[in-house]
Amino acid sequence: MSKLHLVFGGRVSDPQGLDFVDLANLDVVGLYPDYKSAEKAWRSAAQRTVDDAEMKYVVVHLHKLLQPDAEA
């Protein structure tokens, strides 16, 4: 299985947490086949909003959610 990664972001209630306040308006950056390309997309998106403390972008390791018992 590919090591799929999802990059998305949005406004959070606390910059140190992951409580996204408006799920309907999440910015889905994209799906990536490897961590390196996902990290590059995450950096680009996060840099655009660096001055807004309530905006947060994350990388989700979808392959770990789809097959949690598989080797990394």
PDB file of N, CA and C in Angstrom:
ATOM      1  N   MET A   1       0.842  -1.185   0.000  1.00  0.00           N
ATOM      2  CA  MET A   1       0.000   0.000   0.000  1.00  0.00           C
ATOM      3  C   MET A   1       0.886   1.246   0.000  1.00  0.00           C
ATOM      4  N   SER A   2       0.449   2.254  -0.720  1.00  0.00           N
ATOM      5  CA  SER A   2       1.158   3.534  -0.715  1.00  0.00           C
ATOM      6  C   SER A   2       1.095   4.156   0.663  1.00  0.00           C
ATOM      7  N   LYS A   3       2.089   4.957   0.973  1.00  0.00           N
ATOM      8  CA  LYS A   3       2.090   5.656   2.249  1.00  0.00           C
ATOM      9  C   LYS A   3       1.437   7.022   2.047  1.00  0.00           C
ATOM     10  N   LEU A   4       0.111   7.011   1.975  1.00  0.00           N
ATOM     11  CA  LEU A   4      -0.654   8.221   1.700  1.00  0.00           C
ATOM     12  C   LEU A   4      -0.599   9.213   2.849  1.00  0.00           C
ATOM     13  N   HIS A   5      -0.513  10.491   2.487  1.00  0.00           N
ATOM     14  CA  HIS A   5      -0.500  11.576   3.462  1.00  0.00           C
ATOM     15  C   HIS A   5      -1.484  12.644   3.018  1.00  0.00           C
ATOM     16  N   LEU A   6      -2.257  13.157   3.951  1.00  0.00           N
ATOM     17  CA  LEU A   6      -3.217  14.222   3.708  1.00  0.00           C
ATOM     18  C   LEU A   6      -2.710  15.486   4.382  1.00  0.00           C
ATOM     19  N   VAL A   7      -2.736  16.593   3.649  1.00  0.00           N
ATOM     20  CA  VAL A   7      -2.366  17.888   4.212  1.00  0.00           C
ATOM     21  C   VAL A   7      -3.615  18.770   4.186  1.00  0.00           C
ATOM     22  N   PHE A   8      -3.969  19.291   5.358  1.00  0.00           N
ATOM     23  CA  PHE A   8      -5.104  20.201   5.435  1.00  0.00           C
ATOM     24  C   PHE A   8      -4.886  21.174   6.578  1.00  0.00           C
ATOM     25  N   GLY A   9      -5.713  22.193   6.611  1.00  0.00           N
ATOM     26  CA  GLY A   9      -5.600  23.174   7.682  1.00  0.00           C
ATOM     27  C   GLY A   9      -6.874  23.968   7.831  1.00  0.00           C
ATOM     28  N   GLY A  10      -6.876  24.791   8.860  1.00  0.00           N
ATOM     29  CA  GLY A  10      -8.029  25.635   9.127  1.00  0.00           C
ATOM     30  C   GLY A  10      -7.846  26.381  10.435  1.00  0.00           C
ATOM     31  N   ARG A  11      -8.875  27.099  10.780  1.00  0.00           N
ATOM     32  CA  ARG A  11      -8.861  27.898  11.996  1.00  0.00           C
ATOM     33  C   ARG A  11      -9.079  26.992  13.211  1.00  0.00           C
ATOM     34  N   VAL A  12      -8.245  27.166  14.238  1.00  0.00           N
ATOM     35  CA  VAL A  12      -8.344  26.376  15.466  1.00  0.00           C
ATOM     36  C   VAL A  12      -8.717  27.281  16.639  1.00  0.00           C
ATOM     37  N   SER A  13      -9.344  26.691  17.655  1.00  0.00           N
ATOM     38  CA  SER A  13      -9.731  27.473  18.835  1.00  0.00           C
ATOM     39  C   SER A  13      -8.535  27.772  19.730  1.00  0.00           C
ATOM     40  N   ASP A  14      -7.528  26.883  19.700  1.00  0.00           N
ATOM     41  CA  ASP A  14      -6.316  27.048  20.494  1.00  0.00           C
ATOM     42  C   ASP A  14      -5.130  26.669  19.611  1.00  0.00           C
ATOM     43  N   PRO A  15      -4.185  27.582  19.391  1.00  0.00           N
ATOM     44  CA  PRO A  15      -3.052  27.295  18.505  1.00  0.00           C
ATOM     45  C   PRO A  15      -2.215  26.077  18.915  1.00  0.00           C
ATOM     46  N   GLN A  16      -2.321  25.644  20.159  1.00  0.00           N
ATOM     47  CA  GLN A  16      -1.564  24.478  20.610  1.00  0.00           C
ATOM     48  C   GLN A  16      -2.351  23.179  20.460  1.00  0.00           C
ATOM     49  N   GLY A  17      -3.593  23.279  20.008  1.00  0.00           N
ATOM     50  CA  GLY A  17      -4.435  22.097  19.879  1.00  0.00           C
ATOM     51  C   GLY A  17      -4.848  21.823  18.449  1.00  0.00           C
ATOM     52  N   LEU A  18      -5.756  20.875  18.312  1.00  0.00           N
ATOM     53  CA  LEU A  18      -6.254  20.485  16.993  1.00  0.00           C
ATOM     54  C   LEU A  18      -7.773  20.581  16.899  1.00  0.00           C
ATOM     55  N   ASP A  19      -8.369  21.488  17.668  1.00  0.00           N
ATOM     56  CA  ASP A  19      -9.814  21.670  17.643  1.00  0.00           C
ATOM     57  C   ASP A  19     -10.155  22.678  16.547  1.00  0.00           C
ATOM     58  N   PHE A  20     -10.439  22.166  15.347  1.00  0.00           N
ATOM     59  CA  PHE A  20     -10.785  23.026  14.222  1.00  0.00           C
ATOM     60  C   PHE A  20     -12.199  23.544  14.421  1.00  0.00           C
ATOM     61  N   VAL A  21     -12.372  24.855  14.316  1.00  0.00           N
ATOM     62  CA  VAL A  21     -13.645  25.472  14.676  1.00  0.00           C
ATOM     63  C   VAL A  21     -14.671  25.487  13.546  1.00  0.00           C
ATOM     64  N   ASP A  22     -14.253  25.395  12.306  1.00  0.00           N
ATOM     65  CA  ASP A  22     -15.196  25.459  11.187  1.00  0.00           C
ATOM     66  C   ASP A  22     -14.863  24.364  10.178  1.00  0.00           C
ATOM     67  N   LEU A  23     -15.352  23.179  10.436  1.00  0.00           N
ATOM     68  CA  LEU A  23     -15.020  22.029   9.601  1.00  0.00           C
ATOM     69  C   LEU A  23     -15.475  22.195   8.154  1.00  0.00           C
ATOM     70  N   ALA A  24     -16.517  22.970   7.932  1.00  0.00           N
ATOM     71  CA  ALA A  24     -17.009  23.176   6.569  1.00  0.00           C
ATOM     72  C   ALA A  24     -16.038  24.002   5.730  1.00  0.00           C
ATOM     73  N   ASN A  25     -15.150  24.740   6.382  1.00  0.00           N
ATOM     74  CA  ASN A  25     -14.221  25.600   5.653  1.00  0.00           C
ATOM     75  C   ASN A  25     -12.755  25.181   5.802  1.00  0.00           C
ATOM     76  N   LEU A  26     -12.509  23.896   6.015  1.00  0.00           N
ATOM     77  CA  LEU A  26     -11.133  23.419   6.065  1.00  0.00           C
ATOM     78  C   LEU A  26     -10.493  23.585   4.688  1.00  0.00           C
ATOM     79  N   ASP A  27      -9.218  23.907   4.679  1.00  0.00           N
ATOM     80  CA  ASP A  27      -8.458  24.026   3.444  1.00  0.00           C
ATOM     81  C   ASP A  27      -7.746  22.699   3.201  1.00  0.00           C
ATOM     82  N   VAL A  28      -8.288  21.893   2.292  1.00  0.00           N
ATOM     83  CA  VAL A  28      -7.666  20.621   1.959  1.00  0.00           C
ATOM     84  C   VAL A  28      -6.622  20.901   0.886  1.00  0.00           C
ATOM     85  N   VAL A  29      -5.359  20.809   1.279  1.00  0.00           N
ATOM     86  CA  VAL A  29      -4.257  21.101   0.368  1.00  0.00           C
ATOM     87  C   VAL A  29      -4.083  19.966  -0.625  1.00  0.00           C
ATOM     88  N   GLY A  30      -4.144  18.723  -0.148  1.00  0.00           N
ATOM     89  CA  GLY A  30      -4.048  17.596  -1.062  1.00  0.00           C
ATOM     90  C   GLY A  30      -3.598  16.298  -0.425  1.00  0.00           C
ATOM     91  N   LEU A  31      -3.550  15.264  -1.254  1.00  0.00           N
ATOM     92  CA  LEU A  31      -3.073  13.937  -0.874  1.00  0.00           C
ATOM     93  C   LEU A  31      -1.722  13.718  -1.543  1.00  0.00           C
ATOM     94  N   TYR A  32      -0.797  13.108  -0.802  1.00  0.00           N
ATOM     95  CA  TYR A  32       0.566  12.952  -1.294  1.00  0.00           C
ATOM     96  C   TYR A  32       1.044  11.523  -1.066  1.00  0.00           C
ATOM     97  N   PRO A  33       1.856  10.990  -1.989  1.00  0.00           N
ATOM     98  CA  PRO A  33       2.280   9.593  -1.907  1.00  0.00           C
ATOM     99  C   PRO A  33       3.441   9.332  -0.964  1.00  0.00           C
ATOM    100  N   ASP A  34       4.055  10.399  -0.439  1.00  0.00           N
ATOM    101  CA  ASP A  34       5.176  10.213   0.479  1.00  0.00           C
ATOM    102  C   ASP A  34       5.263  11.422   1.412  1.00  0.00           C
ATOM    103  N   TYR A  35       5.956  11.218   2.524  1.00  0.00           N
ATOM    104  CA  TYR A  35       6.030  12.273   3.533  1.00  0.00           C
ATOM    105  C   TYR A  35       6.782  13.499   3.028  1.00  0.00           C
ATOM    106  N   LYS A  36       7.808  13.288   2.243  1.00  0.00           N
ATOM    107  CA  LYS A  36       8.614  14.413   1.755  1.00  0.00           C
ATOM    108  C   LYS A  36       7.771  15.403   0.949  1.00  0.00           C
ATOM    109  N   SER A  37       6.955  14.914   0.050  1.00  0.00           N
ATOM    110  CA  SER A  37       6.116  15.811  -0.743  1.00  0.00           C
ATOM    111  C   SER A  37       4.993  16.416   0.105  1.00  0.00           C
ATOM    112  N   ALA A  38       4.481  15.658   1.073  1.00  0.00           N
ATOM    113  CA  ALA A  38       3.454  16.195   1.975  1.00  0.00           C
ATOM    114  C   ALA A  38       4.032  17.306   2.846  1.00  0.00           C
ATOM    115  N   GLU A  39       5.249  17.102   3.325  1.00  0.00           N
ATOM    116  CA  GLU A  39       5.881  18.126   4.159  1.00  0.00           C
ATOM    117  C   GLU A  39       6.131  19.404   3.362  1.00  0.00           C
ATOM    118  N   LYS A  40       6.521  19.265   2.118  1.00  0.00           N
ATOM    119  CA  LYS A  40       6.743  20.434   1.259  1.00  0.00           C
ATOM    120  C   LYS A  40       5.439  21.224   1.078  1.00  0.00           C
ATOM    121  N   ALA A  41       4.341  20.519   0.841  1.00  0.00           N
ATOM    122  CA  ALA A  41       3.037  21.170   0.690  1.00  0.00           C
ATOM    123  C   ALA A  41       2.598  21.812   2.004  1.00  0.00           C
ATOM    124  N   TRP A  42       2.833  21.112   3.132  1.00  0.00           N
ATOM    125  CA  TRP A  42       2.488  21.652   4.445  1.00  0.00           C
ATOM    126  C   TRP A  42       3.246  22.946   4.720  1.00  0.00           C
ATOM    127  N   ARG A  43       4.568  22.936   4.458  1.00  0.00           N
ATOM    128  CA  ARG A  43       5.388  24.143   4.673  1.00  0.00           C
ATOM    129  C   ARG A  43       4.876  25.322   3.858  1.00  0.00           C
ATOM    130  N   SER A  44       4.556  25.059   2.623  1.00  0.00           N
ATOM    131  CA  SER A  44       4.064  26.117   1.742  1.00  0.00           C
ATOM    132  C   SER A  44       2.755  26.710   2.271  1.00  0.00           C
ATOM    133  N   ALA A  45       1.824  25.850   2.651  1.00  0.00           N
ATOM    134  CA  ALA A  45       0.532  26.312   3.170  1.00  0.00           C
ATOM    135  C   ALA A  45       0.701  27.040   4.497  1.00  0.00           C
ATOM    136  N   ALA A  46       1.525  26.486   5.389  1.00  0.00           N
ATOM    137  CA  ALA A  46       1.724  27.089   6.706  1.00  0.00           C
ATOM    138  C   ALA A  46       2.406  28.448   6.582  1.00  0.00           C
ATOM    139  N   GLN A  47       3.332  28.582   5.649  1.00  0.00           N
ATOM    140  CA  GLN A  47       4.030  29.862   5.471  1.00  0.00           C
ATOM    141  C   GLN A  47       3.082  30.967   5.018  1.00  0.00           C
ATOM    142  N   ARG A  48       2.075  30.616   4.239  1.00  0.00           N
ATOM    143  CA  ARG A  48       1.104  31.629   3.773  1.00  0.00           C
ATOM    144  C   ARG A  48       0.310  32.228   4.926  1.00  0.00           C
ATOM    145  N   THR A  49       0.188  31.493   6.037  1.00  0.00           N
ATOM    146  CA  THR A  49      -0.629  31.951   7.160  1.00  0.00           C
ATOM    147  C   THR A  49       0.195  32.126   8.436  1.00  0.00           C
ATOM    148  N   VAL A  50       1.494  32.312   8.289  1.00  0.00           N
ATOM    149  CA  VAL A  50       2.393  32.348   9.446  1.00  0.00           C
ATOM    150  C   VAL A  50       2.035  33.466  10.436  1.00  0.00           C
ATOM    151  N   ASP A  51       1.445  34.538   9.980  1.00  0.00           N
ATOM    152  CA  ASP A  51       1.098  35.658  10.865  1.00  0.00           C
ATOM    153  C   ASP A  51      -0.265  35.496  11.533  1.00  0.00           C
ATOM    154  N   ASP A  52      -0.989  34.438  11.227  1.00  0.00           N
ATOM    155  CA  ASP A  52      -2.317  34.200  11.797  1.00  0.00           C
ATOM    156  C   ASP A  52      -2.226  33.020  12.771  1.00  0.00           C
ATOM    157  N   ALA A  53      -2.142  33.316  14.060  1.00  0.00           N
ATOM    158  CA  ALA A  53      -1.937  32.271  15.079  1.00  0.00           C
ATOM    159  C   ALA A  53      -3.090  31.275  15.158  1.00  0.00           C
ATOM    160  N   GLU A  54      -4.251  31.639  14.657  1.00  0.00           N
ATOM    161  CA  GLU A  54      -5.395  30.727  14.734  1.00  0.00           C
ATOM    162  C   GLU A  54      -5.503  29.790  13.530  1.00  0.00           C
ATOM    163  N   MET A  55      -4.609  29.927  12.558  1.00  0.00           N
ATOM    164  CA  MET A  55      -4.599  29.022  11.407  1.00  0.00           C
ATOM    165  C   MET A  55      -3.533  27.952  11.628  1.00  0.00           C
ATOM    166  N   LYS A  56      -3.906  26.721  11.346  1.00  0.00           N
ATOM    167  CA  LYS A  56      -2.978  25.613  11.569  1.00  0.00           C
ATOM    168  C   LYS A  56      -3.118  24.608  10.431  1.00  0.00           C
ATOM    169  N   TYR A  57      -1.987  24.132   9.942  1.00  0.00           N
ATOM    170  CA  TYR A  57      -1.952  23.092   8.920  1.00  0.00           C
ATOM    171  C   TYR A  57      -1.296  21.857   9.511  1.00  0.00           C
ATOM    172  N   VAL A  58      -1.762  20.682   9.087  1.00  0.00           N
ATOM    173  CA  VAL A  58      -1.245  19.421   9.604  1.00  0.00           C
ATOM    174  C   VAL A  58      -1.037  18.421   8.474  1.00  0.00           C
ATOM    175  N   VAL A  59      -0.177  17.446   8.746  1.00  0.00           N
ATOM    176  CA  VAL A  59       0.022  16.300   7.857  1.00  0.00           C
ATOM    177  C   VAL A  59      -0.548  15.085   8.573  1.00  0.00           C
ATOM    178  N   VAL A  60      -1.478  14.395   7.927  1.00  0.00           N
ATOM    179  CA  VAL A  60      -2.080  13.185   8.495  1.00  0.00           C
ATOM    180  C   VAL A  60      -1.536  11.981   7.734  1.00  0.00           C
ATOM    181  N   HIS A  61      -1.005  11.018   8.460  1.00  0.00           N
ATOM    182  CA  HIS A  61      -0.466   9.798   7.869  1.00  0.00           C
ATOM    183  C   HIS A  61      -1.633   8.827   7.631  1.00  0.00           C
ATOM    184  N   LEU A  62      -2.281   8.953   6.498  1.00  0.00           N
ATOM    185  CA  LEU A  62      -3.463   8.139   6.223  1.00  0.00           C
ATOM    186  C   LEU A  62      -3.153   6.648   6.210  1.00  0.00           C
ATOM    187  N   HIS A  63      -1.967   6.278   5.760  1.00  0.00           N
ATOM    188  CA  HIS A  63      -1.619   4.862   5.717  1.00  0.00           C
ATOM    189  C   HIS A  63      -1.609   4.253   7.118  1.00  0.00           C
ATOM    190  N   LYS A  64      -1.312   5.045   8.130  1.00  0.00           N
ATOM    191  CA  LYS A  64      -1.322   4.535   9.510  1.00  0.00           C
ATOM    192  C   LYS A  64      -2.742   4.354  10.026  1.00  0.00           C
ATOM    193  N   LEU A  65      -3.669   5.159   9.503  1.00  0.00           N
ATOM    194  CA  LEU A  65      -5.072   5.009   9.894  1.00  0.00           C
ATOM    195  C   LEU A  65      -5.728   3.835   9.169  1.00  0.00           C
ATOM    196  N   LEU A  66      -5.340   3.639   7.908  1.00  0.00           N
ATOM    197  CA  LEU A  66      -5.947   2.578   7.101  1.00  0.00           C
ATOM    198  C   LEU A  66      -5.429   1.195   7.476  1.00  0.00           C
ATOM    199  N   GLN A  67      -4.148   1.115   7.835  1.00  0.00           N
ATOM    200  CA  GLN A  67      -3.556  -0.161   8.246  1.00  0.00           C
ATOM    201  C   GLN A  67      -2.680   0.060   9.482  1.00  0.00           C
ATOM    202  N   PRO A  68      -3.318   0.217  10.638  1.00  0.00           N
ATOM    203  CA  PRO A  68      -2.563   0.563  11.852  1.00  0.00           C
ATOM    204  C   PRO A  68      -1.550  -0.503  12.294  1.00  0.00           C
ATOM    205  N   ASP A  69      -1.740  -1.753  11.906  1.00  0.00           N
ATOM    206  CA  ASP A  69      -0.826  -2.812  12.330  1.00  0.00           C
ATOM    207  C   ASP A  69       0.313  -3.065  11.350  1.00  0.00           C
ATOM    208  N   ALA A  70       0.309  -2.359  10.224  1.00  0.00           N
ATOM    209  CA  ALA A  70       1.344  -2.569   9.203  1.00  0.00           C
ATOM    210  C   ALA A  70       2.670  -1.950   9.654  1.00  0.00           C
ATOM    211  N   GLU A  71       3.733  -2.491   9.150  1.00  0.00           N
ATOM    212  CA  GLU A  71       5.070  -1.935   9.425  1.00  0.00           C
ATOM    213  C   GLU A  71       5.165  -0.550   8.813  1.00  0.00           C
ATOM    214  N   ALA A  72       5.891   0.353   9.469  1.00  0.00           N
ATOM    215  CA  ALA A  72       6.022   1.737   8.987  1.00  0.00           C
ATOM    216  C   ALA A  72       6.853   1.846   7.751  1.00  0.00           C
TER     217      ALA A  72
END
